[in-house]
Amino acid sequence: MRVRADCDASPFLDRDGLEWIGQPFEATPAGIQRTLVVRGRDEVEVAALRAYRSQLRSWSAKELKYAIAHDPSLRTPALETFHAKIILADSDRAYIGSANMTRWSRDYSLECGVIISGPCVKPVATLLDAIVAIASEEPSQENA
């Protein structure tokens, strides 16, 4: 089993959420891959990612975008994304819940989630492995 410090998947995030995500990223030892999976579609999210790009680099975080285009005649919008909010720690612990990584979710919304550990985390790790395998690495937006 591949060991990861953190793999965070959140479809919605903002600057406060990136600071929130940074807490587990900073708490993990150097040399462990950190992966952030986002939708990369919302203006607030794109601006936050752009503002935090150097911080993500300092955490050695890989930023991935999960969005799959579909035939627009089948449905509108013709894009598959995800709504899950998952944080996976070293393939042995995971948070699964409703909270987006945003200030609103953290400070104002009633959210619900669970932390699981042990063998029941394996299907969560498998799911995130599948998402990471088909997600695209964000192109560098140095000049963006």
N, C-alpha and C. Protein backbone atom coordinates (compact mmCIF):
# COMPACT_ATOMS: atom_id res chain seq x y z
N MET A 1 0.84 -1.18 0.00
CA MET A 1 0.00 0.00 0.00
C MET A 1 0.89 1.24 0.00
N ARG A 2 0.57 2.17 -0.85
CA ARG A 2 1.33 3.41 -0.94
C ARG A 2 1.04 4.26 0.28
N VAL A 3 2.07 4.83 0.87
CA VAL A 3 1.88 5.67 2.05
C VAL A 3 1.83 7.14 1.61
N ARG A 4 0.80 7.81 2.05
CA ARG A 4 0.64 9.23 1.75
C ARG A 4 0.40 9.96 3.06
N ALA A 5 0.96 11.11 3.17
CA ALA A 5 0.66 11.91 4.36
C ALA A 5 -0.75 12.44 4.25
N ASP A 6 -1.06 13.01 3.12
CA ASP A 6 -2.37 13.63 2.98
C ASP A 6 -2.80 13.61 1.53
N CYS A 7 -4.06 13.31 1.34
CA CYS A 7 -4.71 13.52 0.07
C CYS A 7 -6.03 14.18 0.41
N ASP A 8 -6.17 15.43 0.05
CA ASP A 8 -7.39 16.18 0.35
C ASP A 8 -8.18 16.35 -0.93
N ALA A 9 -9.46 16.03 -0.87
CA ALA A 9 -10.36 16.23 -2.01
C ALA A 9 -11.50 17.11 -1.55
N SER A 10 -11.64 18.26 -2.16
CA SER A 10 -12.71 19.17 -1.82
C SER A 10 -13.14 19.91 -3.07
N PRO A 11 -14.43 19.84 -3.42
CA PRO A 11 -14.86 20.50 -4.64
C PRO A 11 -14.92 22.01 -4.52
N PHE A 12 -15.05 22.53 -3.32
CA PHE A 12 -15.13 23.97 -3.12
C PHE A 12 -14.11 24.37 -2.07
N LEU A 13 -13.32 25.39 -2.37
CA LEU A 13 -12.40 25.90 -1.37
C LEU A 13 -12.16 27.38 -1.62
N ASP A 14 -11.67 28.04 -0.56
CA ASP A 14 -11.31 29.45 -0.66
C ASP A 14 -10.01 29.63 0.11
N ARG A 15 -9.58 30.88 0.28
CA ARG A 15 -8.30 31.14 0.95
C ARG A 15 -8.29 30.59 2.38
N ASP A 16 -9.39 30.79 3.11
CA ASP A 16 -9.45 30.26 4.48
C ASP A 16 -9.37 28.73 4.45
N GLY A 17 -10.02 28.12 3.48
CA GLY A 17 -9.97 26.67 3.36
C GLY A 17 -8.58 26.16 3.06
N LEU A 18 -7.83 26.89 2.23
CA LEU A 18 -6.45 26.48 1.95
C LEU A 18 -5.59 26.58 3.21
N GLU A 19 -5.85 27.58 4.05
CA GLU A 19 -5.14 27.65 5.33
C GLU A 19 -5.51 26.46 6.21
N TRP A 20 -6.77 26.10 6.19
CA TRP A 20 -7.28 24.96 6.97
C TRP A 20 -6.61 23.67 6.48
N ILE A 21 -6.56 23.49 5.17
CA ILE A 21 -5.90 22.31 4.59
C ILE A 21 -4.41 22.31 4.92
N GLY A 22 -3.83 23.50 5.03
CA GLY A 22 -2.41 23.59 5.34
C GLY A 22 -2.02 23.02 6.68
N GLN A 23 -2.95 23.00 7.63
CA GLN A 23 -2.62 22.47 8.96
C GLN A 23 -2.18 21.01 8.90
N PRO A 24 -2.95 20.10 8.28
CA PRO A 24 -2.44 18.73 8.20
C PRO A 24 -1.24 18.60 7.26
N PHE A 25 -1.18 19.41 6.21
CA PHE A 25 -0.02 19.36 5.32
C PHE A 25 1.25 19.72 6.08
N GLU A 26 1.19 20.76 6.90
CA GLU A 26 2.36 21.19 7.66
C GLU A 26 2.74 20.21 8.76
N ALA A 27 1.77 19.46 9.26
CA ALA A 27 2.02 18.54 10.37
C ALA A 27 2.65 17.22 9.91
N THR A 28 2.77 17.01 8.62
CA THR A 28 3.31 15.74 8.12
C THR A 28 4.79 15.88 7.83
N PRO A 29 5.53 14.78 7.95
CA PRO A 29 6.98 14.85 7.73
C PRO A 29 7.33 15.13 6.27
N ALA A 30 8.48 15.74 6.07
CA ALA A 30 8.98 16.00 4.72
C ALA A 30 9.16 14.68 3.98
N GLY A 31 9.03 14.73 2.68
CA GLY A 31 9.23 13.55 1.86
C GLY A 31 7.98 12.73 1.61
N ILE A 32 6.89 13.10 2.25
CA ILE A 32 5.62 12.40 2.03
C ILE A 32 4.81 13.23 1.04
N GLN A 33 4.25 12.57 0.03
CA GLN A 33 3.47 13.27 -0.99
C GLN A 33 2.18 13.82 -0.41
N ARG A 34 1.92 15.07 -0.69
CA ARG A 34 0.66 15.71 -0.33
C ARG A 34 -0.06 16.00 -1.65
N THR A 35 -1.33 15.65 -1.72
CA THR A 35 -2.09 15.83 -2.95
C THR A 35 -3.39 16.56 -2.63
N LEU A 36 -3.68 17.58 -3.42
CA LEU A 36 -4.91 18.34 -3.28
C LEU A 36 -5.69 18.14 -4.56
N VAL A 37 -6.90 17.58 -4.45
CA VAL A 37 -7.76 17.36 -5.61
C VAL A 37 -8.90 18.36 -5.53
N VAL A 38 -9.05 19.15 -6.58
CA VAL A 38 -10.07 20.19 -6.62
C VAL A 38 -10.83 20.10 -7.94
N ARG A 39 -11.93 20.83 -8.02
CA ARG A 39 -12.66 20.90 -9.30
C ARG A 39 -12.00 21.92 -10.22
N GLY A 40 -11.51 23.02 -9.67
CA GLY A 40 -10.82 24.03 -10.46
C GLY A 40 -11.72 24.81 -11.39
N ARG A 41 -12.98 25.00 -11.03
CA ARG A 41 -13.93 25.67 -11.92
C ARG A 41 -14.43 27.00 -11.37
N ASP A 42 -14.56 27.13 -10.09
CA ASP A 42 -15.15 28.29 -9.46
C ASP A 42 -14.12 29.44 -9.40
N GLU A 43 -14.58 30.68 -9.66
CA GLU A 43 -13.68 31.84 -9.66
C GLU A 43 -12.97 32.02 -8.32
N VAL A 44 -13.70 31.86 -7.21
CA VAL A 44 -13.12 32.02 -5.88
C VAL A 44 -12.03 30.98 -5.68
N GLU A 45 -12.31 29.73 -6.07
CA GLU A 45 -11.34 28.65 -5.93
C GLU A 45 -10.10 28.91 -6.76
N VAL A 46 -10.28 29.30 -8.01
CA VAL A 46 -9.14 29.55 -8.89
C VAL A 46 -8.28 30.68 -8.34
N ALA A 47 -8.92 31.75 -7.84
CA ALA A 47 -8.16 32.88 -7.26
C ALA A 47 -7.41 32.43 -6.01
N ALA A 48 -8.04 31.63 -5.16
CA ALA A 48 -7.37 31.14 -3.95
C ALA A 48 -6.18 30.26 -4.30
N LEU A 49 -6.37 29.37 -5.25
CA LEU A 49 -5.26 28.49 -5.66
C LEU A 49 -4.10 29.30 -6.24
N ARG A 50 -4.43 30.31 -7.03
CA ARG A 50 -3.39 31.16 -7.60
C ARG A 50 -2.63 31.88 -6.49
N ALA A 51 -3.35 32.41 -5.50
CA ALA A 51 -2.73 33.13 -4.39
C ALA A 51 -1.87 32.22 -3.51
N TYR A 52 -2.26 30.95 -3.41
CA TYR A 52 -1.56 30.01 -2.53
C TYR A 52 -0.60 29.08 -3.27
N ARG A 53 -0.39 29.30 -4.54
CA ARG A 53 0.45 28.38 -5.32
C ARG A 53 1.85 28.22 -4.72
N SER A 54 2.47 29.31 -4.29
CA SER A 54 3.81 29.18 -3.71
C SER A 54 3.75 28.43 -2.38
N GLN A 55 2.68 28.63 -1.59
CA GLN A 55 2.53 27.89 -0.34
C GLN A 55 2.34 26.40 -0.61
N LEU A 56 1.52 26.08 -1.61
CA LEU A 56 1.34 24.67 -1.98
C LEU A 56 2.67 24.06 -2.39
N ARG A 57 3.47 24.81 -3.14
CA ARG A 57 4.79 24.31 -3.53
C ARG A 57 5.67 24.08 -2.31
N SER A 58 5.60 24.99 -1.33
CA SER A 58 6.44 24.83 -0.13
C SER A 58 6.05 23.59 0.67
N TRP A 59 4.78 23.15 0.55
CA TRP A 59 4.34 21.92 1.19
C TRP A 59 4.61 20.71 0.30
N SER A 60 5.21 20.93 -0.87
CA SER A 60 5.41 19.88 -1.87
C SER A 60 4.08 19.23 -2.24
N ALA A 61 3.05 20.05 -2.31
CA ALA A 61 1.71 19.54 -2.61
C ALA A 61 1.49 19.50 -4.11
N LYS A 62 0.98 18.37 -4.55
CA LYS A 62 0.59 18.21 -5.95
C LYS A 62 -0.86 18.65 -6.07
N GLU A 63 -1.13 19.54 -7.00
CA GLU A 63 -2.49 20.05 -7.21
C GLU A 63 -3.07 19.36 -8.43
N LEU A 64 -4.19 18.67 -8.24
CA LEU A 64 -4.85 17.97 -9.33
C LEU A 64 -6.26 18.48 -9.53
N LYS A 65 -6.70 18.45 -10.76
CA LYS A 65 -8.06 18.88 -11.09
C LYS A 65 -8.83 17.66 -11.58
N TYR A 66 -9.99 17.44 -10.97
CA TYR A 66 -10.85 16.33 -11.38
C TYR A 66 -12.11 16.91 -11.99
N ALA A 67 -12.21 16.84 -13.28
CA ALA A 67 -13.40 17.24 -14.02
C ALA A 67 -13.34 16.54 -15.36
N ILE A 68 -14.36 15.80 -15.70
CA ILE A 68 -14.38 15.02 -16.93
C ILE A 68 -15.50 15.53 -17.82
N ALA A 69 -15.13 15.92 -19.03
CA ALA A 69 -16.12 16.42 -19.99
C ALA A 69 -16.93 15.26 -20.55
N HIS A 70 -18.22 15.51 -20.75
CA HIS A 70 -19.12 14.54 -21.36
C HIS A 70 -19.78 15.16 -22.58
N ASP A 71 -20.46 14.36 -23.33
CA ASP A 71 -21.20 14.82 -24.49
C ASP A 71 -22.29 15.78 -24.02
N PRO A 72 -22.26 17.04 -24.48
CA PRO A 72 -23.26 18.01 -24.02
C PRO A 72 -24.69 17.66 -24.41
N SER A 73 -24.87 16.79 -25.38
CA SER A 73 -26.24 16.40 -25.74
C SER A 73 -26.84 15.46 -24.70
N LEU A 74 -25.99 14.88 -23.84
CA LEU A 74 -26.48 13.95 -22.82
C LEU A 74 -26.93 14.66 -21.55
N ARG A 75 -26.26 15.75 -21.22
CA ARG A 75 -26.63 16.50 -20.02
C ARG A 75 -25.93 17.85 -20.01
N THR A 76 -26.53 18.79 -19.27
CA THR A 76 -25.94 20.11 -19.13
C THR A 76 -25.87 20.42 -17.64
N PRO A 77 -24.76 20.85 -17.10
CA PRO A 77 -23.51 21.01 -17.80
C PRO A 77 -22.90 19.66 -18.17
N ALA A 78 -22.10 19.66 -19.17
CA ALA A 78 -21.52 18.42 -19.68
C ALA A 78 -20.20 18.12 -18.98
N LEU A 79 -20.22 18.20 -17.66
CA LEU A 79 -19.00 18.02 -16.89
C LEU A 79 -19.29 17.19 -15.65
N GLU A 80 -18.52 16.16 -15.46
CA GLU A 80 -18.61 15.36 -14.23
C GLU A 80 -17.55 15.88 -13.28
N THR A 81 -17.96 16.19 -12.07
CA THR A 81 -17.00 16.57 -11.04
C THR A 81 -17.27 15.70 -9.82
N PHE A 82 -16.96 16.16 -8.66
CA PHE A 82 -17.23 15.39 -7.45
C PHE A 82 -17.79 16.31 -6.39
N HIS A 83 -18.48 15.75 -5.44
CA HIS A 83 -19.04 16.52 -4.34
C HIS A 83 -18.50 16.03 -3.01
N ALA A 84 -17.72 14.97 -3.03
CA ALA A 84 -17.17 14.38 -1.81
C ALA A 84 -16.13 15.31 -1.18
N LYS A 85 -16.06 15.27 0.13
CA LYS A 85 -15.01 15.96 0.87
C LYS A 85 -14.29 14.90 1.68
N ILE A 86 -13.05 14.63 1.32
CA ILE A 86 -12.30 13.54 1.93
C ILE A 86 -10.89 14.03 2.24
N ILE A 87 -10.41 13.66 3.41
CA ILE A 87 -9.00 13.85 3.74
C ILE A 87 -8.48 12.48 4.14
N LEU A 88 -7.47 12.03 3.41
CA LEU A 88 -6.87 10.72 3.68
C LEU A 88 -5.50 10.95 4.26
N ALA A 89 -5.22 10.33 5.38
CA ALA A 89 -3.91 10.44 6.03
C ALA A 89 -3.27 9.06 6.06
N ASP A 90 -2.16 8.93 5.44
CA ASP A 90 -1.30 7.73 5.42
C ASP A 90 -2.03 6.41 5.21
N SER A 91 -3.11 6.43 4.46
CA SER A 91 -3.89 5.24 4.12
C SER A 91 -4.40 4.48 5.34
N ASP A 92 -4.36 5.13 6.52
CA ASP A 92 -4.83 4.47 7.74
C ASP A 92 -5.92 5.26 8.45
N ARG A 93 -6.03 6.55 8.12
CA ARG A 93 -7.05 7.39 8.74
C ARG A 93 -7.66 8.27 7.65
N ALA A 94 -8.95 8.53 7.78
CA ALA A 94 -9.61 9.39 6.80
C ALA A 94 -10.75 10.15 7.45
N TYR A 95 -10.95 11.36 6.95
CA TYR A 95 -12.13 12.15 7.28
C TYR A 95 -13.02 12.11 6.04
N ILE A 96 -14.29 11.85 6.24
CA ILE A 96 -15.28 11.89 5.16
C ILE A 96 -16.45 12.71 5.71
N GLY A 97 -16.80 13.76 5.01
CA GLY A 97 -17.87 14.59 5.53
C GLY A 97 -18.42 15.57 4.54
N SER A 98 -19.24 16.48 5.05
CA SER A 98 -19.94 17.41 4.19
C SER A 98 -19.22 18.75 4.05
N ALA A 99 -18.25 19.03 4.90
CA ALA A 99 -17.63 20.35 4.94
C ALA A 99 -16.76 20.63 3.72
N ASN A 100 -17.11 21.70 3.00
CA ASN A 100 -16.21 22.21 1.98
C ASN A 100 -15.06 22.89 2.71
N MET A 101 -13.95 23.07 2.04
CA MET A 101 -12.81 23.74 2.64
C MET A 101 -12.95 25.24 2.38
N THR A 102 -13.95 25.81 3.04
CA THR A 102 -14.25 27.23 2.91
C THR A 102 -14.52 27.83 4.27
N ARG A 103 -14.37 29.13 4.37
CA ARG A 103 -14.66 29.82 5.62
C ARG A 103 -16.12 29.60 6.01
N TRP A 104 -17.02 29.66 5.04
CA TRP A 104 -18.44 29.50 5.34
C TRP A 104 -18.71 28.15 5.98
N SER A 105 -18.16 27.07 5.41
CA SER A 105 -18.38 25.74 5.99
C SER A 105 -17.78 25.63 7.38
N ARG A 106 -16.57 26.20 7.55
CA ARG A 106 -15.89 26.09 8.84
C ARG A 106 -16.58 26.90 9.92
N ASP A 107 -17.03 28.12 9.58
CA ASP A 107 -17.50 29.04 10.62
C ASP A 107 -19.01 29.16 10.76
N TYR A 108 -19.79 28.85 9.70
CA TYR A 108 -21.20 29.16 9.74
C TYR A 108 -22.15 28.00 9.46
N SER A 109 -21.71 27.00 8.74
CA SER A 109 -22.62 25.92 8.36
C SER A 109 -22.58 24.79 9.38
N LEU A 110 -23.70 24.12 9.51
CA LEU A 110 -23.75 22.90 10.30
C LEU A 110 -23.29 21.78 9.37
N GLU A 111 -22.10 21.27 9.61
CA GLU A 111 -21.54 20.22 8.78
C GLU A 111 -21.47 18.93 9.60
N CYS A 112 -21.32 17.84 8.93
CA CYS A 112 -21.22 16.56 9.60
C CYS A 112 -20.16 15.73 8.90
N GLY A 113 -19.38 15.02 9.68
CA GLY A 113 -18.35 14.17 9.10
C GLY A 113 -17.89 13.14 10.11
N VAL A 114 -17.16 12.18 9.62
CA VAL A 114 -16.62 11.13 10.50
C VAL A 114 -15.15 10.95 10.19
N ILE A 115 -14.42 10.54 11.21
CA ILE A 115 -13.03 10.13 11.04
C ILE A 115 -13.01 8.63 11.23
N ILE A 116 -12.47 7.94 10.25
CA ILE A 116 -12.39 6.49 10.33
C ILE A 116 -10.92 6.07 10.34
N SER A 117 -10.66 4.91 10.89
CA SER A 117 -9.29 4.41 10.91
C SER A 117 -9.30 2.89 10.81
N GLY A 118 -8.16 2.36 10.46
CA GLY A 118 -8.02 0.91 10.35
C GLY A 118 -8.40 0.39 8.97
N PRO A 119 -8.79 -0.89 8.90
CA PRO A 119 -9.06 -1.53 7.61
C PRO A 119 -10.19 -0.89 6.80
N CYS A 120 -11.13 -0.23 7.46
CA CYS A 120 -12.24 0.38 6.72
C CYS A 120 -11.79 1.57 5.87
N VAL A 121 -10.56 2.02 6.03
CA VAL A 121 -10.04 3.13 5.24
C VAL A 121 -9.61 2.66 3.84
N LYS A 122 -9.34 1.38 3.69
CA LYS A 122 -8.83 0.88 2.41
C LYS A 122 -9.73 1.24 1.22
N PRO A 123 -11.06 1.09 1.29
CA PRO A 123 -11.89 1.50 0.14
C PRO A 123 -11.81 3.00 -0.15
N VAL A 124 -11.63 3.82 0.88
CA VAL A 124 -11.49 5.26 0.68
C VAL A 124 -10.18 5.53 -0.05
N ALA A 125 -9.10 4.88 0.37
CA ALA A 125 -7.80 5.03 -0.30
C ALA A 125 -7.89 4.57 -1.75
N THR A 126 -8.60 3.49 -2.00
CA THR A 126 -8.77 2.98 -3.36
C THR A 126 -9.53 3.98 -4.22
N LEU A 127 -10.58 4.58 -3.66
CA LEU A 127 -11.34 5.59 -4.38
C LEU A 127 -10.46 6.78 -4.73
N LEU A 128 -9.70 7.28 -3.75
CA LEU A 128 -8.83 8.43 -4.01
C LEU A 128 -7.73 8.07 -5.00
N ASP A 129 -7.21 6.85 -4.94
CA ASP A 129 -6.23 6.42 -5.94
C ASP A 129 -6.82 6.49 -7.35
N ALA A 130 -8.08 6.08 -7.49
CA ALA A 130 -8.73 6.12 -8.80
C ALA A 130 -8.94 7.56 -9.26
N ILE A 131 -9.34 8.44 -8.36
CA ILE A 131 -9.52 9.85 -8.71
C ILE A 131 -8.20 10.47 -9.12
N VAL A 132 -7.16 10.22 -8.34
CA VAL A 132 -5.83 10.76 -8.65
C VAL A 132 -5.33 10.24 -9.99
N ALA A 133 -5.62 8.98 -10.28
CA ALA A 133 -5.14 8.38 -11.53
C ALA A 133 -5.74 9.05 -12.76
N ILE A 134 -6.96 9.56 -12.67
CA ILE A 134 -7.57 10.17 -13.85
C ILE A 134 -7.64 11.69 -13.78
N ALA A 135 -7.24 12.26 -12.64
CA ALA A 135 -7.22 13.72 -12.51
C ALA A 135 -6.05 14.28 -13.32
N SER A 136 -6.16 15.54 -13.69
CA SER A 136 -5.08 16.17 -14.45
C SER A 136 -4.30 17.11 -13.55
N GLU A 137 -2.99 17.10 -13.77
CA GLU A 137 -2.15 18.01 -13.01
C GLU A 137 -2.38 19.41 -13.53
N GLU A 138 -2.53 20.34 -12.62
CA GLU A 138 -2.76 21.71 -13.02
C GLU A 138 -1.53 22.27 -13.70
N PRO A 139 -1.70 22.91 -14.85
CA PRO A 139 -0.55 23.54 -15.48
C PRO A 139 -0.08 24.70 -14.63
N SER A 140 1.22 24.96 -14.67
CA SER A 140 1.76 26.08 -13.91
C SER A 140 1.12 27.37 -14.38
N GLN A 141 0.69 28.17 -13.44
CA GLN A 141 0.07 29.45 -13.78
C GLN A 141 0.91 30.57 -13.18
N GLU A 142 2.23 30.47 -13.38
CA GLU A 142 3.15 31.46 -12.83
C GLU A 142 2.76 32.88 -13.19
N ASN A 143 2.35 33.07 -14.44
CA ASN A 143 2.04 34.40 -14.91
C ASN A 143 0.56 34.74 -14.80
N ALA A 144 -0.21 33.79 -14.23
CA ALA A 144 -1.66 34.04 -14.15
C ALA A 144 -2.00 34.93 -12.98
